[in-house]
Amino acid sequence: MDKVLVTVIIAAYNAENFIRHAIDSVLAQTFKDYELIIVDDGSEDCTGSICDEYALKDNRIRVIHQCNGGVAVARQVGIDNAVGEYSIHFDADDVADSKMLEEMYATAV
């Protein structure tokens, strides 16, 4: 993996119906120097296995599985594991424009 400038953190709980759209929109970013940390917060559906499938295909994706602790705890776990210079929280049902990270990073620096 190249230098990680941005960490995208997704806290996911029972998101099997929409998590693919969120992950796909992150993977479609024009800005490539990022990592994606997905915290599976004790999902009782297929969210965790969907995220694991993506992690096997792209080394920028890390999945952390934990017992349900709520969104604040899941986000903190993401922050604690982030290596990017900047981080952003992304909800499991969000879909981003392909230039989101590029534009946000340019504004930040």
Protein backbone atom coordinates (compact mmCIF):
# COMPACT_ATOMS: atom_id res chain seq x y z
CA MET A 1 0.00 0.00 0.00
CA ASP A 2 1.19 3.53 -0.76
CA LYS A 3 1.46 6.16 1.94
CA VAL A 4 -1.85 6.47 3.76
CA LEU A 5 -3.00 10.08 3.85
CA VAL A 6 -6.65 9.49 4.73
CA THR A 7 -8.39 6.84 6.79
CA VAL A 8 -12.06 6.27 5.98
CA ILE A 9 -13.88 4.68 8.92
CA ILE A 10 -17.20 2.91 8.49
CA ALA A 11 -19.02 1.71 11.60
CA ALA A 12 -21.44 -0.94 10.37
CA TYR A 13 -24.25 -2.75 12.11
CA ASN A 14 -26.73 -4.95 10.24
CA ALA A 15 -26.01 -3.11 7.01
CA GLU A 16 -26.11 -5.99 4.53
CA ASN A 17 -28.70 -4.23 2.34
CA PHE A 18 -26.55 -1.16 1.65
CA ILE A 19 -22.92 -1.69 2.76
CA ARG A 20 -21.83 -2.73 -0.74
CA HIS A 21 -22.90 0.65 -2.14
CA ALA A 22 -20.94 2.48 0.56
CA ILE A 23 -17.78 0.40 0.03
CA ASP A 24 -18.04 0.64 -3.75
CA SER A 25 -18.28 4.43 -3.57
CA VAL A 26 -15.13 4.57 -1.43
CA LEU A 27 -13.30 2.25 -3.81
CA ALA A 28 -14.33 4.49 -6.75
CA GLN A 29 -12.49 7.51 -5.31
CA THR A 30 -10.08 9.37 -7.60
CA PHE A 31 -7.85 9.90 -4.54
CA LYS A 32 -6.06 6.61 -3.91
CA ASP A 33 -3.84 7.23 -0.85
CA TYR A 34 -6.37 6.03 1.69
CA GLU A 35 -7.23 3.05 3.83
CA LEU A 36 -10.73 1.89 4.62
CA ILE A 37 -11.40 0.53 8.09
CA ILE A 38 -14.77 -1.12 8.53
CA VAL A 39 -15.79 -1.87 12.09
CA ASP A 40 -18.43 -4.60 12.09
CA ASP A 41 -20.19 -3.77 15.34
CA GLY A 42 -21.63 -7.18 16.13
CA SER A 43 -23.88 -7.45 13.09
CA GLU A 44 -26.40 -10.29 13.15
CA ASP A 45 -26.76 -10.40 9.37
CA CYS A 46 -24.21 -10.88 6.56
CA THR A 47 -22.53 -7.48 6.98
CA GLY A 48 -19.32 -8.96 8.38
CA SER A 49 -18.89 -11.54 5.64
CA ILE A 50 -19.62 -8.97 2.92
CA CYS A 51 -16.92 -6.71 4.36
CA ASP A 52 -14.49 -9.63 4.60
CA GLU A 53 -15.06 -10.38 0.90
CA TYR A 54 -14.05 -6.84 0.00
CA ALA A 55 -10.99 -6.97 2.27
CA LEU A 56 -9.77 -10.08 0.44
CA LYS A 57 -9.91 -8.18 -2.86
CA ASP A 58 -8.31 -4.87 -1.81
CA ASN A 59 -5.41 -4.49 0.62
CA ARG A 60 -6.53 -0.96 1.55
CA ILE A 61 -9.49 -2.45 3.40
CA ARG A 62 -9.28 -3.71 6.98
CA VAL A 63 -12.26 -5.19 8.79
CA ILE A 64 -12.49 -5.27 12.56
CA HIS A 65 -15.16 -7.50 14.08
CA GLN A 66 -16.36 -6.74 17.59
CA CYS A 67 -19.29 -7.33 19.89
CA ASN A 68 -21.99 -4.70 19.58
CA GLY A 69 -20.98 -1.62 21.51
CA GLY A 70 -22.79 1.08 19.59
CA VAL A 71 -21.72 3.52 16.91
CA ALA A 72 -19.58 5.73 19.19
CA VAL A 73 -17.52 2.75 20.37
CA ALA A 74 -17.19 1.41 16.82
CA ARG A 75 -16.01 4.78 15.54
CA GLN A 76 -13.47 5.04 18.35
CA VAL A 77 -12.12 1.58 17.47
CA GLY A 78 -11.69 2.85 13.92
CA ILE A 79 -9.83 5.93 15.13
CA ASP A 80 -7.61 3.82 17.38
CA ASN A 81 -6.59 1.68 14.40
CA ALA A 82 -6.23 4.47 11.83
CA VAL A 83 -2.84 5.26 10.29
CA GLY A 84 -3.90 8.07 7.96
CA GLU A 85 -2.81 11.66 8.40
CA TYR A 86 -6.52 12.57 8.34
CA SER A 87 -9.63 10.53 9.02
CA ILE A 88 -13.27 10.73 8.04
CA HIS A 89 -16.31 8.87 9.32
CA PHE A 90 -18.53 7.41 6.65
CA ASP A 91 -21.88 5.79 7.44
CA ALA A 92 -22.68 2.33 6.13
CA ASP A 93 -25.53 3.76 4.06
CA ASP A 94 -23.57 6.70 2.62
CA VAL A 95 -22.61 6.95 -1.04
CA ALA A 96 -19.84 9.41 -1.94
CA ASP A 97 -19.08 11.35 -5.08
CA SER A 98 -15.91 9.95 -6.65
CA LYS A 99 -13.96 13.15 -5.93
CA MET A 100 -14.95 13.46 -2.27
CA LEU A 101 -11.61 12.43 -0.74
CA GLU A 102 -9.59 14.32 -3.33
CA GLU A 103 -11.46 17.55 -2.67
CA MET A 104 -11.51 17.14 1.10
CA TYR A 105 -7.80 16.39 1.25
CA ALA A 106 -6.96 19.39 -0.96
CA THR A 107 -9.02 21.63 1.32
CA ALA A 108 -7.40 20.21 4.46
CA VAL A 109 -3.84 20.74 3.26
